[in-house]
Amino acid sequence: TDIEGKWSLYGLKPVTHVLRLDQTTLPLGAKLEVLDNRNSGTPESRFVDLKKGEFHKANFIITNCDEKSVIADVAARRAAIAARPDTEAEAQVRLRLDPEGK
């Protein structure tokens, strides 16, 4: 993801896909909520109907994003990513999950 948590996929077939958010990558204490029937019954999954040549956006809802601990975690992640703009996102994810790099 980028500093805002945005990401993209390309080269996918124009069919219905299910996107699943890895909750271990969310800020500590963050809670997801079902937005609508496109969540497939769980807040961490979304149905996405792709059509050839179109862009598609899928949102996931964090219900407690105004809690101080969640805000602090997001700010720390943004600072860590901004401090190393040339590093790959995958390396950043590994660093967030295991700060010692093991």
Protein backbone atom coordinates (compact mmCIF):
# COMPACT_ATOMS: atom_id res chain seq x y z
CA THR A 1 0.00 0.00 0.00
CA ASP A 2 0.97 3.61 -0.22
CA ILE A 3 1.14 6.09 2.64
CA GLU A 4 -2.68 6.42 2.57
CA GLY A 5 -3.29 2.66 2.57
CA LYS A 6 -4.37 2.69 -1.07
CA TRP A 7 -3.42 -0.12 -3.42
CA SER A 8 -4.15 -1.40 -6.87
CA LEU A 9 -4.31 -4.66 -8.80
CA TYR A 10 -4.10 -5.03 -12.55
CA GLY A 11 -4.38 -7.78 -15.12
CA LEU A 12 -7.40 -9.36 -13.45
CA LYS A 13 -10.05 -11.14 -15.49
CA PRO A 14 -13.32 -9.19 -15.90
CA VAL A 15 -15.40 -11.42 -13.63
CA THR A 16 -16.63 -11.27 -10.03
CA HIS A 17 -13.80 -11.48 -7.50
CA VAL A 18 -13.72 -11.50 -3.71
CA LEU A 19 -11.25 -9.16 -2.04
CA ARG A 20 -10.31 -10.08 1.50
CA LEU A 21 -8.56 -7.67 3.81
CA ASP A 22 -5.84 -9.17 6.03
CA GLN A 23 -6.88 -7.91 9.45
CA THR A 24 -3.38 -8.45 10.86
CA THR A 25 -2.27 -5.46 8.77
CA LEU A 26 -4.78 -3.10 10.41
CA PRO A 27 -3.84 -0.77 13.24
CA LEU A 28 -3.98 -2.47 16.64
CA GLY A 29 -7.55 -2.29 17.96
CA ALA A 30 -9.14 -1.39 14.61
CA LYS A 31 -12.60 -2.90 14.11
CA LEU A 32 -14.18 -3.55 10.72
CA GLU A 33 -17.90 -3.23 10.01
CA VAL A 34 -20.16 -4.61 7.27
CA LEU A 35 -20.98 -1.80 4.83
CA ASP A 36 -23.57 -3.54 2.65
CA ASN A 37 -24.44 -6.87 1.01
CA ARG A 38 -21.24 -6.64 -1.08
CA ASN A 39 -19.32 -7.58 2.10
CA SER A 40 -20.33 -11.24 1.61
CA GLY A 41 -21.52 -11.37 5.21
CA THR A 42 -18.15 -10.56 6.78
CA PRO A 43 -16.60 -7.11 7.13
CA GLU A 44 -13.18 -8.22 5.84
CA SER A 45 -14.48 -9.46 2.43
CA ARG A 46 -15.94 -7.59 -0.56
CA PHE A 47 -17.43 -8.82 -3.83
CA VAL A 48 -16.01 -6.89 -6.79
CA ASP A 49 -17.66 -7.17 -10.21
CA LEU A 50 -14.95 -6.26 -12.72
CA LYS A 51 -15.80 -5.25 -16.26
CA LYS A 52 -13.29 -5.05 -19.12
CA GLY A 53 -11.58 -1.66 -19.35
CA GLU A 54 -13.15 -0.23 -16.18
CA PHE A 55 -11.65 0.87 -12.90
CA HIS A 56 -13.29 -0.34 -9.71
CA LYS A 57 -13.08 0.87 -6.13
CA ALA A 58 -13.75 -1.27 -3.05
CA ASN A 59 -14.03 0.27 0.42
CA PHE A 60 -13.66 -1.38 3.81
CA ILE A 61 -15.08 0.35 6.90
CA ILE A 62 -13.14 0.82 10.13
CA THR A 63 -15.70 1.81 12.76
CA ASN A 64 -13.37 3.11 15.46
CA CYS A 65 -10.91 5.10 13.35
CA ASP A 66 -11.26 8.08 15.69
CA GLU A 67 -9.83 6.23 18.72
CA LYS A 68 -6.50 7.67 19.88
CA SER A 69 -4.66 4.34 19.68
CA VAL A 70 -5.77 3.74 16.09
CA ILE A 71 -4.86 7.31 15.07
CA ALA A 72 -1.44 6.97 16.71
CA ASP A 73 -0.74 3.69 14.90
CA VAL A 74 -1.74 5.19 11.53
CA ALA A 75 0.45 8.26 12.13
CA ALA A 76 3.43 6.06 13.04
CA ARG A 77 2.97 3.95 9.89
CA ARG A 78 2.72 7.05 7.67
CA ALA A 79 5.89 8.47 9.20
CA ALA A 80 7.76 5.18 8.69
CA ILE A 81 6.72 4.98 5.03
CA ALA A 82 7.40 8.66 4.36
CA ALA A 83 10.89 8.31 5.86
CA ARG A 84 11.72 5.67 3.22
CA PRO A 85 9.94 6.67 0.02
CA ASP A 86 12.05 4.43 -2.24
CA THR A 87 11.43 1.16 -0.41
CA GLU A 88 8.99 -1.43 -1.68
CA ALA A 89 5.57 -1.68 -0.03
CA GLU A 90 6.15 -5.37 0.69
CA ALA A 91 9.19 -4.54 2.80
CA GLN A 92 7.15 -1.97 4.69
CA VAL A 93 4.46 -4.52 5.48
CA ARG A 94 7.08 -6.96 6.79
CA LEU A 95 8.56 -4.21 8.95
CA ARG A 96 5.15 -3.33 10.43
CA LEU A 97 4.42 -6.97 11.26
CA ASP A 98 7.89 -7.68 12.69
CA PRO A 99 9.91 -4.55 13.62
CA GLU A 100 13.05 -6.66 14.16
CA GLY A 101 12.87 -8.09 10.64
CA LYS A 102 12.91 -11.74 11.72
